[in-house]
Amino acid sequence: MIGQRIRLLRKMRNMTQADLAEALNLAKTTISSYENDINEPNHEMLIKLADFFHVSVDYLIGRTDTHEQAEVEIMLSKEQLKKIDELYEILFSIEDEEERNRIIETAIVFANGVKSVQKRNQNS
């Protein structure tokens, strides 16, 4: 659960594992081991991750599905946040973790592609 949530939060920020590792003064392999549930972050690192992503430690460890992110909330309307929460509930209702991760990664790739097209259109 922790690894999956770290990966999701990192990808929501369009960060690589190397980017996150650099931001937290860790090795890229450490981030990879967290995301692949090989190792779990210690108490101190959980707090750093929660602070970095603007979520609670309870969210990271799976005690709650509330993923309040101050930065995102400022940029989005209440209607958009509601839609995101609905999508989030749907995603985490999928019990097969591998399938859920494939869907999340596909959605992120799609969203990044849409952003690229929009950026090109603005620059044209």
PDB file of N, CA and C in Angstrom:
ATOM      1  N   MET A   1       0.826  -1.194   0.000  1.00  0.00           N
ATOM      2  CA  MET A   1       0.000   0.000   0.000  1.00  0.00           C
ATOM      3  C   MET A   1       0.871   1.259   0.000  1.00  0.00           C
ATOM      4  N   ILE A   2       1.891   1.303   0.859  1.00  0.00           N
ATOM      5  CA  ILE A   2       2.733   2.497   0.945  1.00  0.00           C
ATOM      6  C   ILE A   2       3.423   2.752  -0.389  1.00  0.00           C
ATOM      7  N   GLY A   3       4.001   1.725  -0.956  1.00  0.00           N
ATOM      8  CA  GLY A   3       4.717   1.874  -2.219  1.00  0.00           C
ATOM      9  C   GLY A   3       3.828   2.374  -3.331  1.00  0.00           C
ATOM     10  N   GLN A   4       2.637   1.827  -3.399  1.00  0.00           N
ATOM     11  CA  GLN A   4       1.685   2.212  -4.434  1.00  0.00           C
ATOM     12  C   GLN A   4       1.306   3.683  -4.281  1.00  0.00           C
ATOM     13  N   ARG A   5       1.122   4.118  -3.066  1.00  0.00           N
ATOM     14  CA  ARG A   5       0.733   5.509  -2.840  1.00  0.00           C
ATOM     15  C   ARG A   5       1.892   6.470  -3.121  1.00  0.00           C
ATOM     16  N   ILE A   6       3.098   6.070  -2.769  1.00  0.00           N
ATOM     17  CA  ILE A   6       4.257   6.913  -3.091  1.00  0.00           C
ATOM     18  C   ILE A   6       4.370   7.060  -4.605  1.00  0.00           C
ATOM     19  N   ARG A   7       4.246   5.941  -5.326  1.00  0.00           N
ATOM     20  CA  ARG A   7       4.331   5.978  -6.789  1.00  0.00           C
ATOM     21  C   ARG A   7       3.247   6.883  -7.372  1.00  0.00           C
ATOM     22  N   LEU A   8       2.019   6.738  -6.895  1.00  0.00           N
ATOM     23  CA  LEU A   8       0.913   7.550  -7.398  1.00  0.00           C
ATOM     24  C   LEU A   8       1.170   9.035  -7.160  1.00  0.00           C
ATOM     25  N   LEU A   9       1.573   9.389  -5.955  1.00  0.00           N
ATOM     26  CA  LEU A   9       1.832  10.791  -5.630  1.00  0.00           C
ATOM     27  C   LEU A   9       2.984  11.345  -6.457  1.00  0.00           C
ATOM     28  N   ARG A  10       4.025  10.537  -6.632  1.00  0.00           N
ATOM     29  CA  ARG A  10       5.180  10.974  -7.430  1.00  0.00           C
ATOM     30  C   ARG A  10       4.754  11.219  -8.870  1.00  0.00           C
ATOM     31  N   LYS A  11       3.979  10.317  -9.433  1.00  0.00           N
ATOM     32  CA  LYS A  11       3.560  10.461 -10.823  1.00  0.00           C
ATOM     33  C   LYS A  11       2.575  11.609 -10.995  1.00  0.00           C
ATOM     34  N   MET A  12       1.766  11.870  -9.972  1.00  0.00           N
ATOM     35  CA  MET A  12       0.849  13.008 -10.044  1.00  0.00           C
ATOM     36  C   MET A  12       1.621  14.316 -10.162  1.00  0.00           C
ATOM     37  N   ARG A  13       2.834  14.337  -9.648  1.00  0.00           N
ATOM     38  CA  ARG A  13       3.691  15.528  -9.742  1.00  0.00           C
ATOM     39  C   ARG A  13       4.621  15.472 -10.950  1.00  0.00           C
ATOM     40  N   ASN A  14       4.438  14.460 -11.794  1.00  0.00           N
ATOM     41  CA  ASN A  14       5.296  14.291 -12.973  1.00  0.00           C
ATOM     42  C   ASN A  14       6.763  14.215 -12.588  1.00  0.00           C
ATOM     43  N   MET A  15       7.060  13.490 -11.528  1.00  0.00           N
ATOM     44  CA  MET A  15       8.435  13.330 -11.053  1.00  0.00           C
ATOM     45  C   MET A  15       8.935  11.926 -11.376  1.00  0.00           C
ATOM     46  N   THR A  16      10.219  11.815 -11.637  1.00  0.00           N
ATOM     47  CA  THR A  16      10.843  10.505 -11.756  1.00  0.00           C
ATOM     48  C   THR A  16      11.272  10.050 -10.363  1.00  0.00           C
ATOM     49  N   GLN A  17      11.642   8.797 -10.269  1.00  0.00           N
ATOM     50  CA  GLN A  17      12.189   8.309  -8.996  1.00  0.00           C
ATOM     51  C   GLN A  17      13.442   9.092  -8.637  1.00  0.00           C
ATOM     52  N   ALA A  18      14.243   9.407  -9.633  1.00  0.00           N
ATOM     53  CA  ALA A  18      15.472  10.177  -9.389  1.00  0.00           C
ATOM     54  C   ALA A  18      15.143  11.578  -8.866  1.00  0.00           C
ATOM     55  N   ASP A  19      14.093  12.197  -9.413  1.00  0.00           N
ATOM     56  CA  ASP A  19      13.682  13.531  -8.937  1.00  0.00           C
ATOM     57  C   ASP A  19      13.289  13.480  -7.463  1.00  0.00           C
ATOM     58  N   LEU A  20      12.475  12.482  -7.111  1.00  0.00           N
ATOM     59  CA  LEU A  20      12.025  12.364  -5.734  1.00  0.00           C
ATOM     60  C   LEU A  20      13.195  12.046  -4.810  1.00  0.00           C
ATOM     61  N   ALA A  21      14.064  11.161  -5.249  1.00  0.00           N
ATOM     62  CA  ALA A  21      15.234  10.812  -4.448  1.00  0.00           C
ATOM     63  C   ALA A  21      16.088  12.051  -4.167  1.00  0.00           C
ATOM     64  N   GLU A  22      16.288  12.856  -5.192  1.00  0.00           N
ATOM     65  CA  GLU A  22      17.083  14.073  -5.028  1.00  0.00           C
ATOM     66  C   GLU A  22      16.402  15.042  -4.049  1.00  0.00           C
ATOM     67  N   ALA A  23      15.086  15.186  -4.182  1.00  0.00           N
ATOM     68  CA  ALA A  23      14.349  16.108  -3.310  1.00  0.00           C
ATOM     69  C   ALA A  23      14.421  15.689  -1.848  1.00  0.00           C
ATOM     70  N   LEU A  24      14.533  14.377  -1.606  1.00  0.00           N
ATOM     71  CA  LEU A  24      14.551  13.858  -0.231  1.00  0.00           C
ATOM     72  C   LEU A  24      15.945  13.442   0.224  1.00  0.00           C
ATOM     73  N   ASN A  25      16.956  13.706  -0.600  1.00  0.00           N
ATOM     74  CA  ASN A  25      18.340  13.315  -0.291  1.00  0.00           C
ATOM     75  C   ASN A  25      18.472  11.811  -0.064  1.00  0.00           C
ATOM     76  N   LEU A  26      17.900  11.050  -0.985  1.00  0.00           N
ATOM     77  CA  LEU A  26      17.965   9.598  -0.935  1.00  0.00           C
ATOM     78  C   LEU A  26      18.541   9.074  -2.244  1.00  0.00           C
ATOM     79  N   ALA A  27      18.868   7.802  -2.260  1.00  0.00           N
ATOM     80  CA  ALA A  27      19.284   7.157  -3.504  1.00  0.00           C
ATOM     81  C   ALA A  27      18.033   6.770  -4.292  1.00  0.00           C
ATOM     82  N   LYS A  28      18.139   6.791  -5.611  1.00  0.00           N
ATOM     83  CA  LYS A  28      17.024   6.376  -6.463  1.00  0.00           C
ATOM     84  C   LYS A  28      16.597   4.954  -6.130  1.00  0.00           C
ATOM     85  N   THR A  29      17.551   4.110  -5.799  1.00  0.00           N
ATOM     86  CA  THR A  29      17.236   2.715  -5.463  1.00  0.00           C
ATOM     87  C   THR A  29      16.368   2.628  -4.204  1.00  0.00           C
ATOM     88  N   THR A  30      16.531   3.589  -3.301  1.00  0.00           N
ATOM     89  CA  THR A  30      15.705   3.609  -2.090  1.00  0.00           C
ATOM     90  C   THR A  30      14.255   3.880  -2.461  1.00  0.00           C
ATOM     91  N   ILE A  31      14.030   4.861  -3.337  1.00  0.00           N
ATOM     92  CA  ILE A  31      12.670   5.170  -3.785  1.00  0.00           C
ATOM     93  C   ILE A  31      12.084   3.957  -4.494  1.00  0.00           C
ATOM     94  N   SER A  32      12.868   3.335  -5.350  1.00  0.00           N
ATOM     95  CA  SER A  32      12.409   2.144  -6.064  1.00  0.00           C
ATOM     96  C   SER A  32      12.024   1.036  -5.087  1.00  0.00           C
ATOM     97  N   SER A  33      12.828   0.849  -4.054  1.00  0.00           N
ATOM     98  CA  SER A  33      12.523  -0.215  -3.083  1.00  0.00           C
ATOM     99  C   SER A  33      11.255   0.096  -2.297  1.00  0.00           C
ATOM    100  N   TYR A  34      10.981   1.379  -2.050  1.00  0.00           N
ATOM    101  CA  TYR A  34       9.719   1.755  -1.394  1.00  0.00           C
ATOM    102  C   TYR A  34       8.543   1.460  -2.321  1.00  0.00           C
ATOM    103  N   GLU A  35       8.651   1.925  -3.564  1.00  0.00           N
ATOM    104  CA  GLU A  35       7.544   1.789  -4.501  1.00  0.00           C
ATOM    105  C   GLU A  35       7.242   0.340  -4.852  1.00  0.00           C
ATOM    106  N   ASN A  36       8.241  -0.497  -4.802  1.00  0.00           N
ATOM    107  CA  ASN A  36       8.046  -1.915  -5.122  1.00  0.00           C
ATOM    108  C   ASN A  36       7.814  -2.767  -3.879  1.00  0.00           C
ATOM    109  N   ASP A  37       7.583  -2.104  -2.750  1.00  0.00           N
ATOM    110  CA  ASP A  37       7.303  -2.764  -1.470  1.00  0.00           C
ATOM    111  C   ASP A  37       8.376  -3.764  -1.055  1.00  0.00           C
ATOM    112  N   ILE A  38       9.616  -3.447  -1.415  1.00  0.00           N
ATOM    113  CA  ILE A  38      10.749  -4.253  -0.967  1.00  0.00           C
ATOM    114  C   ILE A  38      11.145  -3.802   0.434  1.00  0.00           C
ATOM    115  N   ASN A  39      11.168  -2.490   0.631  1.00  0.00           N
ATOM    116  CA  ASN A  39      11.427  -1.887   1.945  1.00  0.00           C
ATOM    117  C   ASN A  39      10.348  -0.856   2.213  1.00  0.00           C
ATOM    118  N   GLU A  40      10.143  -0.574   3.494  1.00  0.00           N
ATOM    119  CA  GLU A  40       9.205   0.474   3.877  1.00  0.00           C
ATOM    120  C   GLU A  40       9.975   1.626   4.495  1.00  0.00           C
ATOM    121  N   PRO A  41       9.513   2.849   4.246  1.00  0.00           N
ATOM    122  CA  PRO A  41      10.183   3.993   4.863  1.00  0.00           C
ATOM    123  C   PRO A  41      10.042   3.931   6.377  1.00  0.00           C
ATOM    124  N   ASN A  42      11.084   4.384   7.089  1.00  0.00           N
ATOM    125  CA  ASN A  42      10.990   4.432   8.547  1.00  0.00           C
ATOM    126  C   ASN A  42      10.080   5.590   8.956  1.00  0.00           C
ATOM    127  N   HIS A  43       9.845   5.715  10.248  1.00  0.00           N
ATOM    128  CA  HIS A  43       8.941   6.729  10.783  1.00  0.00           C
ATOM    129  C   HIS A  43       9.313   8.134  10.308  1.00  0.00           C
ATOM    130  N   GLU A  44      10.583   8.467  10.423  1.00  0.00           N
ATOM    131  CA  GLU A  44      11.057   9.796  10.020  1.00  0.00           C
ATOM    132  C   GLU A  44      10.822  10.043   8.532  1.00  0.00           C
ATOM    133  N   MET A  45      11.101   9.034   7.708  1.00  0.00           N
ATOM    134  CA  MET A  45      10.923   9.187   6.260  1.00  0.00           C
ATOM    135  C   MET A  45       9.442   9.266   5.892  1.00  0.00           C
ATOM    136  N   LEU A  46       8.592   8.549   6.602  1.00  0.00           N
ATOM    137  CA  LEU A  46       7.149   8.662   6.353  1.00  0.00           C
ATOM    138  C   LEU A  46       6.681  10.097   6.552  1.00  0.00           C
ATOM    139  N   ILE A  47       7.183  10.720   7.595  1.00  0.00           N
ATOM    140  CA  ILE A  47       6.815  12.114   7.878  1.00  0.00           C
ATOM    141  C   ILE A  47       7.338  13.030   6.771  1.00  0.00           C
ATOM    142  N   LYS A  48       8.586  12.797   6.323  1.00  0.00           N
ATOM    143  CA  LYS A  48       9.146  13.618   5.240  1.00  0.00           C
ATOM    144  C   LYS A  48       8.329  13.455   3.958  1.00  0.00           C
ATOM    145  N   LEU A  49       7.962  12.217   3.645  1.00  0.00           N
ATOM    146  CA  LEU A  49       7.162  11.963   2.441  1.00  0.00           C
ATOM    147  C   LEU A  49       5.796  12.630   2.550  1.00  0.00           C
ATOM    148  N   ALA A  50       5.160  12.501   3.704  1.00  0.00           N
ATOM    149  CA  ALA A  50       3.842  13.117   3.907  1.00  0.00           C
ATOM    150  C   ALA A  50       3.937  14.636   3.759  1.00  0.00           C
ATOM    151  N   ASP A  51       4.947  15.217   4.359  1.00  0.00           N
ATOM    152  CA  ASP A  51       5.132  16.666   4.253  1.00  0.00           C
ATOM    153  C   ASP A  51       5.411  17.073   2.805  1.00  0.00           C
ATOM    154  N   PHE A  52       6.254  16.318   2.130  1.00  0.00           N
ATOM    155  CA  PHE A  52       6.625  16.648   0.760  1.00  0.00           C
ATOM    156  C   PHE A  52       5.403  16.624  -0.159  1.00  0.00           C
ATOM    157  N   PHE A  53       4.561  15.594  -0.007  1.00  0.00           N
ATOM    158  CA  PHE A  53       3.401  15.439  -0.887  1.00  0.00           C
ATOM    159  C   PHE A  53       2.130  16.116  -0.352  1.00  0.00           C
ATOM    160  N   HIS A  54       2.231  16.730   0.832  1.00  0.00           N
ATOM    161  CA  HIS A  54       1.074  17.402   1.443  1.00  0.00           C
ATOM    162  C   HIS A  54      -0.078  16.433   1.680  1.00  0.00           C
ATOM    163  N   VAL A  55       0.258  15.260   2.212  1.00  0.00           N
ATOM    164  CA  VAL A  55      -0.742  14.270   2.596  1.00  0.00           C
ATOM    165  C   VAL A  55      -0.450  13.857   4.031  1.00  0.00           C
ATOM    166  N   SER A  56      -1.360  13.109   4.624  1.00  0.00           N
ATOM    167  CA  SER A  56      -1.129  12.631   5.980  1.00  0.00           C
ATOM    168  C   SER A  56      -0.334  11.322   5.948  1.00  0.00           C
ATOM    169  N   VAL A  57       0.313  11.023   7.057  1.00  0.00           N
ATOM    170  CA  VAL A  57       0.984   9.722   7.197  1.00  0.00           C
ATOM    171  C   VAL A  57      -0.075   8.620   7.133  1.00  0.00           C
ATOM    172  N   ASP A  58      -1.253   8.879   7.703  1.00  0.00           N
ATOM    173  CA  ASP A  58      -2.347   7.900   7.637  1.00  0.00           C
ATOM    174  C   ASP A  58      -2.688   7.551   6.190  1.00  0.00           C
ATOM    175  N   TYR A  59      -2.664   8.536   5.316  1.00  0.00           N
ATOM    176  CA  TYR A  59      -2.914   8.276   3.901  1.00  0.00           C
ATOM    177  C   TYR A  59      -1.820   7.369   3.329  1.00  0.00           C
ATOM    178  N   LEU A  60      -0.568   7.684   3.619  1.00  0.00           N
ATOM    179  CA  LEU A  60       0.538   6.890   3.075  1.00  0.00           C
ATOM    180  C   LEU A  60       0.479   5.435   3.519  1.00  0.00           C
ATOM    181  N   ILE A  61       0.106   5.204   4.765  1.00  0.00           N
ATOM    182  CA  ILE A  61       0.111   3.822   5.269  1.00  0.00           C
ATOM    183  C   ILE A  61      -1.216   3.106   5.048  1.00  0.00           C
ATOM    184  N   GLY A  62      -2.176   3.803   4.447  1.00  0.00           N
ATOM    185  CA  GLY A  62      -3.428   3.146   4.089  1.00  0.00           C
ATOM    186  C   GLY A  62      -4.514   3.178   5.139  1.00  0.00           C
ATOM    187  N   ARG A  63      -4.344   3.974   6.177  1.00  0.00           N
ATOM    188  CA  ARG A  63      -5.377   4.062   7.219  1.00  0.00           C
ATOM    189  C   ARG A  63      -6.549   4.923   6.780  1.00  0.00           C
ATOM    190  N   THR A  64      -6.325   5.751   5.775  1.00  0.00           N
ATOM    191  CA  THR A  64      -7.388   6.588   5.225  1.00  0.00           C
ATOM    192  C   THR A  64      -7.160   6.740   3.734  1.00  0.00           C
ATOM    193  N   ASP A  65      -8.234   6.980   3.017  1.00  0.00           N
ATOM    194  CA  ASP A  65      -8.112   7.234   1.581  1.00  0.00           C
ATOM    195  C   ASP A  65      -8.215   8.714   1.279  1.00  0.00           C
ATOM    196  N   THR A  66      -8.291   9.540   2.316  1.00  0.00           N
ATOM    197  CA  THR A  66      -8.336  10.983   2.116  1.00  0.00           C
ATOM    198  C   THR A  66      -6.950  11.446   1.718  1.00  0.00           C
ATOM    199  N   HIS A  67      -6.856  12.078   0.597  1.00  0.00           N
ATOM    200  CA  HIS A  67      -5.558  12.504   0.063  1.00  0.00           C
ATOM    201  C   HIS A  67      -5.548  13.998  -0.178  1.00  0.00           C
ATOM    202  N   GLU A  68      -5.786  14.734   0.866  1.00  0.00           N
ATOM    203  CA  GLU A  68      -5.826  16.187   0.746  1.00  0.00           C
ATOM    204  C   GLU A  68      -4.449  16.701   0.365  1.00  0.00           C
ATOM    205  N   GLN A  69      -4.413  17.437  -0.701  1.00  0.00           N
ATOM    206  CA  GLN A  69      -3.163  18.040  -1.151  1.00  0.00           C
ATOM    207  C   GLN A  69      -3.404  19.527  -1.310  1.00  0.00           C
ATOM    208  N   ALA A  70      -2.800  20.296  -0.457  1.00  0.00           N
ATOM    209  CA  ALA A  70      -3.039  21.737  -0.450  1.00  0.00           C
ATOM    210  C   ALA A  70      -2.793  22.367  -1.806  1.00  0.00           C
ATOM    211  N   GLU A  71      -1.687  22.023  -2.461  1.00  0.00           N
ATOM    212  CA  GLU A  71      -1.360  22.638  -3.740  1.00  0.00           C
ATOM    213  C   GLU A  71      -2.411  22.325  -4.789  1.00  0.00           C
ATOM    214  N   VAL A  72      -2.876  21.085  -4.836  1.00  0.00           N
ATOM    215  CA  VAL A  72      -3.865  20.684  -5.826  1.00  0.00           C
ATOM    216  C   VAL A  72      -5.189  21.372  -5.549  1.00  0.00           C
ATOM    217  N   GLU A  73      -5.567  21.453  -4.286  1.00  0.00           N
ATOM    218  CA  GLU A  73      -6.844  22.056  -3.938  1.00  0.00           C
ATOM    219  C   GLU A  73      -6.903  23.522  -4.320  1.00  0.00           C
ATOM    220  N   ILE A  74      -5.804  24.211  -4.258  1.00  0.00           N
ATOM    221  CA  ILE A  74      -5.775  25.625  -4.629  1.00  0.00           C
ATOM    222  C   ILE A  74      -6.046  25.777  -6.125  1.00  0.00           C
ATOM    223  N   MET A  75      -5.536  24.840  -6.921  1.00  0.00           N
ATOM    224  CA  MET A  75      -5.621  24.955  -8.372  1.00  0.00           C
ATOM    225  C   MET A  75      -6.935  24.423  -8.934  1.00  0.00           C
ATOM    226  N   LEU A  76      -7.669  23.598  -8.182  1.00  0.00           N
ATOM    227  CA  LEU A  76      -8.855  22.947  -8.714  1.00  0.00           C
ATOM    228  C   LEU A  76     -10.127  23.453  -8.057  1.00  0.00           C
ATOM    229  N   SER A  77     -11.210  23.413  -8.813  1.00  0.00           N
ATOM    230  CA  SER A  77     -12.505  23.793  -8.262  1.00  0.00           C
ATOM    231  C   SER A  77     -13.050  22.649  -7.407  1.00  0.00           C
ATOM    232  N   LYS A  78     -14.074  22.936  -6.621  1.00  0.00           N
ATOM    233  CA  LYS A  78     -14.701  21.896  -5.797  1.00  0.00           C
ATOM    234  C   LYS A  78     -15.266  20.781  -6.669  1.00  0.00           C
ATOM    235  N   GLU A  79     -15.811  21.149  -7.818  1.00  0.00           N
ATOM    236  CA  GLU A  79     -16.359  20.144  -8.739  1.00  0.00           C
ATOM    237  C   GLU A  79     -15.257  19.227  -9.262  1.00  0.00           C
ATOM    238  N   GLN A  80     -14.109  19.801  -9.617  1.00  0.00           N
ATOM    239  CA  GLN A  80     -12.986  18.997 -10.097  1.00  0.00           C
ATOM    240  C   GLN A  80     -12.466  18.081  -8.993  1.00  0.00           C
ATOM    241  N   LEU A  81     -12.372  18.604  -7.766  1.00  0.00           N
ATOM    242  CA  LEU A  81     -11.925  17.778  -6.640  1.00  0.00           C
ATOM    243  C   LEU A  81     -12.877  16.619  -6.394  1.00  0.00           C
ATOM    244  N   LYS A  82     -14.163  16.882  -6.530  1.00  0.00           N
ATOM    245  CA  LYS A  82     -15.164  15.825  -6.337  1.00  0.00           C
ATOM    246  C   LYS A  82     -14.966  14.724  -7.383  1.00  0.00           C
ATOM    247  N   LYS A  83     -14.715  15.125  -8.628  1.00  0.00           N
ATOM    248  CA  LYS A  83     -14.487  14.144  -9.694  1.00  0.00           C
ATOM    249  C   LYS A  83     -13.218  13.334  -9.426  1.00  0.00           C
ATOM    250  N   ILE A  84     -12.188  14.003  -8.947  1.00  0.00           N
ATOM    251  CA  ILE A  84     -10.945  13.299  -8.624  1.00  0.00           C
ATOM    252  C   ILE A  84     -11.190  12.288  -7.505  1.00  0.00           C
ATOM    253  N   ASP A  85     -11.920  12.683  -6.482  1.00  0.00           N
ATOM    254  CA  ASP A  85     -12.234  11.767  -5.382  1.00  0.00           C
ATOM    255  C   ASP A  85     -13.036  10.565  -5.875  1.00  0.00           C
ATOM    256  N   GLU A  86     -13.969  10.803  -6.789  1.00  0.00           N
ATOM    257  CA  GLU A  86     -14.754   9.700  -7.352  1.00  0.00           C
ATOM    258  C   GLU A  86     -13.858   8.743  -8.134  1.00  0.00           C
ATOM    259  N   LEU A  87     -12.969   9.295  -8.956  1.00  0.00           N
ATOM    260  CA  LEU A  87     -12.037   8.455  -9.705  1.00  0.00           C
ATOM    261  C   LEU A  87     -11.128   7.671  -8.770  1.00  0.00           C
ATOM    262  N   TYR A  88     -10.691   8.332  -7.719  1.00  0.00           N
ATOM    263  CA  TYR A  88      -9.819   7.693  -6.741  1.00  0.00           C
ATOM    264  C   TYR A  88     -10.529   6.509  -6.085  1.00  0.00           C
ATOM    265  N   GLU A  89     -11.791   6.699  -5.712  1.00  0.00           N
ATOM    266  CA  GLU A  89     -12.557   5.609  -5.103  1.00  0.00           C
ATOM    267  C   GLU A  89     -12.698   4.438  -6.066  1.00  0.00           C
ATOM    268  N   ILE A  90     -12.944   4.737  -7.344  1.00  0.00           N
ATOM    269  CA  ILE A  90     -13.065   3.679  -8.343  1.00  0.00           C
ATOM    270  C   ILE A  90     -11.747   2.923  -8.471  1.00  0.00           C
ATOM    271  N   LEU A  91     -10.652   3.663  -8.581  1.00  0.00           N
ATOM    272  CA  LEU A  91      -9.346   3.017  -8.731  1.00  0.00           C
ATOM    273  C   LEU A  91      -9.040   2.083  -7.574  1.00  0.00           C
ATOM    274  N   PHE A  92      -9.283   2.547  -6.356  1.00  0.00           N
ATOM    275  CA  PHE A  92      -8.927   1.731  -5.210  1.00  0.00           C
ATOM    276  C   PHE A  92      -9.978   0.685  -4.861  1.00  0.00           C
ATOM    277  N   SER A  93     -11.051   0.615  -5.670  1.00  0.00           N
ATOM    278  CA  SER A  93     -11.993  -0.498  -5.527  1.00  0.00           C
ATOM    279  C   SER A  93     -11.511  -1.696  -6.338  1.00  0.00           C
ATOM    280  N   ILE A  94     -10.544  -1.475  -7.222  1.00  0.00           N
ATOM    281  CA  ILE A  94      -9.961  -2.564  -8.017  1.00  0.00           C
ATOM    282  C   ILE A  94      -8.995  -3.320  -7.115  1.00  0.00           C
ATOM    283  N   GLU A  95      -9.300  -4.569  -6.847  1.00  0.00           N
ATOM    284  CA  GLU A  95      -8.510  -5.334  -5.880  1.00  0.00           C
ATOM    285  C   GLU A  95      -7.170  -5.802  -6.432  1.00  0.00           C
ATOM    286  N   ASP A  96      -7.105  -6.052  -7.730  1.00  0.00           N
ATOM    287  CA  ASP A  96      -5.857  -6.523  -8.334  1.00  0.00           C
ATOM    288  C   ASP A  96      -4.895  -5.344  -8.433  1.00  0.00           C
ATOM    289  N   GLU A  97      -3.867  -5.344  -7.593  1.00  0.00           N
ATOM    290  CA  GLU A  97      -2.928  -4.226  -7.509  1.00  0.00           C
ATOM    291  C   GLU A  97      -2.214  -3.975  -8.829  1.00  0.00           C
ATOM    292  N   GLU A  98      -1.818  -5.047  -9.526  1.00  0.00           N
ATOM    293  CA  GLU A  98      -1.128  -4.865 -10.799  1.00  0.00           C
ATOM    294  C   GLU A  98      -2.033  -4.192 -11.825  1.00  0.00           C
ATOM    295  N   GLU A  99      -3.285  -4.614 -11.872  1.00  0.00           N
ATOM    296  CA  GLU A  99      -4.243  -4.011 -12.807  1.00  0.00           C
ATOM    297  C   GLU A  99      -4.476  -2.542 -12.457  1.00  0.00           C
ATOM    298  N   ARG A 100      -4.630  -2.257 -11.174  1.00  0.00           N
ATOM    299  CA  ARG A 100      -4.830  -0.885 -10.714  1.00  0.00           C
ATOM    300  C   ARG A 100      -3.630  -0.014 -11.115  1.00  0.00           C
ATOM    301  N   ASN A 101      -2.425  -0.522 -10.910  1.00  0.00           N
ATOM    302  CA  ASN A 101      -1.218   0.234 -11.274  1.00  0.00           C
ATOM    303  C   ASN A 101      -1.136   0.476 -12.772  1.00  0.00           C
ATOM    304  N   ARG A 102      -1.520  -0.528 -13.583  1.00  0.00           N
ATOM    305  CA  ARG A 102      -1.512  -0.345 -15.041  1.00  0.00           C
ATOM    306  C   ARG A 102      -2.496   0.751 -15.446  1.00  0.00           C
ATOM    307  N   ILE A 103      -3.657   0.760 -14.829  1.00  0.00           N
ATOM    308  CA  ILE A 103      -4.661   1.783 -15.144  1.00  0.00           C
ATOM    309  C   ILE A 103      -4.142   3.163 -14.746  1.00  0.00           C
ATOM    310  N   ILE A 104      -3.552   3.269 -13.562  1.00  0.00           N
ATOM    311  CA  ILE A 104      -3.014   4.554 -13.087  1.00  0.00           C
ATOM    312  C   ILE A 104      -1.916   5.039 -14.019  1.00  0.00           C
ATOM    313  N   GLU A 105      -0.995   4.155 -14.370  1.00  0.00           N
ATOM    314  CA  GLU A 105       0.108   4.550 -15.240  1.00  0.00           C
ATOM    315  C   GLU A 105      -0.384   4.947 -16.624  1.00  0.00           C
ATOM    316  N   THR A 106      -1.386   4.242 -17.145  1.00  0.00           N
ATOM    317  CA  THR A 106      -1.960   4.588 -18.440  1.00  0.00           C
ATOM    318  C   THR A 106      -2.622   5.960 -18.384  1.00  0.00           C
ATOM    319  N   ALA A 107      -3.354   6.218 -17.313  1.00  0.00           N
ATOM    320  CA  ALA A 107      -4.024   7.517 -17.155  1.00  0.00           C
ATOM    321  C   ALA A 107      -3.000   8.646 -17.080  1.00  0.00           C
ATOM    322  N   ILE A 108      -1.903   8.408 -16.392  1.00  0.00           N
ATOM    323  CA  ILE A 108      -0.864   9.440 -16.263  1.00  0.00           C
ATOM    324  C   ILE A 108      -0.217   9.713 -17.616  1.00  0.00           C
ATOM    325  N   VAL A 109       0.090   8.653 -18.358  1.00  0.00           N
ATOM    326  CA  VAL A 109       0.675   8.827 -19.687  1.00  0.00           C
ATOM    327  C   VAL A 109      -0.295   9.601 -20.580  1.00  0.00           C
ATOM    328  N   PHE A 110      -1.569   9.241 -20.518  1.00  0.00           N
ATOM    329  CA  PHE A 110      -2.580   9.936 -21.310  1.00  0.00           C
ATOM    330  C   PHE A 110      -2.652  11.411 -20.924  1.00  0.00           C
ATOM    331  N   ALA A 111      -2.714  11.688 -19.626  1.00  0.00           N
ATOM    332  CA  ALA A 111      -2.813  13.075 -19.148  1.00  0.00           C
ATOM    333  C   ALA A 111      -1.590  13.887 -19.569  1.00  0.00           C
ATOM    334  N   ASN A 112      -0.410  13.287 -19.474  1.00  0.00           N
ATOM    335  CA  ASN A 112       0.810  13.992 -19.899  1.00  0.00           C
ATOM    336  C   ASN A 112       0.796  14.256 -21.397  1.00  0.00           C
ATOM    337  N   GLY A 113       0.241  13.322 -22.173  1.00  0.00           N
ATOM    338  CA  GLY A 113       0.122  13.522 -23.619  1.00  0.00           C
ATOM    339  C   GLY A 113      -0.820  14.666 -23.941  1.00  0.00           C
ATOM    340  N   VAL A 114      -1.932  14.737 -23.231  1.00  0.00           N
ATOM    341  CA  VAL A 114      -2.889  15.831 -23.429  1.00  0.00           C
ATOM    342  C   VAL A 114      -2.225  17.159 -23.102  1.00  0.00           C
ATOM    343  N   LYS A 115      -1.466  17.205 -22.003  1.00  0.00           N
ATOM    344  CA  LYS A 115      -0.770  18.445 -21.629  1.00  0.00           C
ATOM    345  C   LYS A 115       0.211  18.860 -22.711  1.00  0.00           C
ATOM    346  N   SER A 116       0.934  17.891 -23.290  1.00  0.00           N
ATOM    347  CA  SER A 116       1.912  18.201 -24.343  1.00  0.00           C
ATOM    348  C   SER A 116       1.228  18.785 -25.567  1.00  0.00           C
ATOM    349  N   VAL A 117       0.097  18.203 -25.942  1.00  0.00           N
ATOM    350  CA  VAL A 117      -0.643  18.696 -27.102  1.00  0.00           C
ATOM    351  C   VAL A 117      -1.150  20.109 -26.825  1.00  0.00           C
ATOM    352  N   GLN A 118      -1.683  20.330 -25.630  1.00  0.00           N
ATOM    353  CA  GLN A 118      -2.176  21.660 -25.278  1.00  0.00           C
ATOM    354  C   GLN A 118      -1.044  22.684 -25.303  1.00  0.00           C
ATOM    355  N   LYS A 119       0.118  22.302 -24.795  1.00  0.00           N
ATOM    356  CA  LYS A 119       1.261  23.205 -24.780  1.00  0.00           C
ATOM    357  C   LYS A 119       1.702  23.549 -26.196  1.00  0.00           C
ATOM    358  N   ARG A 120       1.757  22.547 -27.067  1.00  0.00           N
ATOM    359  CA  ARG A 120       2.133  22.786 -28.474  1.00  0.00           C
ATOM    360  C   ARG A 120       1.137  23.718 -29.138  1.00  0.00           C
ATOM    361  N   ASN A 121      -0.166  23.498 -28.866  1.00  0.00           N
ATOM    362  CA  ASN A 121      -1.199  24.342 -29.469  1.00  0.00           C
ATOM    363  C   ASN A 121      -1.092  25.785 -28.987  1.00  0.00           C
ATOM    364  N   GLN A 122      -0.713  25.959 -27.721  1.00  0.00           N
ATOM    365  CA  GLN A 122      -0.558  27.313 -27.189  1.00  0.00           C
ATOM    366  C   GLN A 122       0.640  28.013 -27.817  1.00  0.00           C
ATOM    367  N   ASN A 123       1.685  27.254 -28.101  1.00  0.00           N
ATOM    368  CA  ASN A 123       2.901  27.827 -28.673  1.00  0.00           C
ATOM    369  C   ASN A 123       2.792  28.061 -30.175  1.00  0.00           C
ATOM    370  N   SER A 124       1.755  27.503 -30.798  1.00  0.00           N
ATOM    371  CA  SER A 124       1.591  27.645 -32.256  1.00  0.00           C
ATOM    372  C   SER A 124       0.983  28.965 -32.631  1.00  0.00           C
TER     373      SER A 124
END
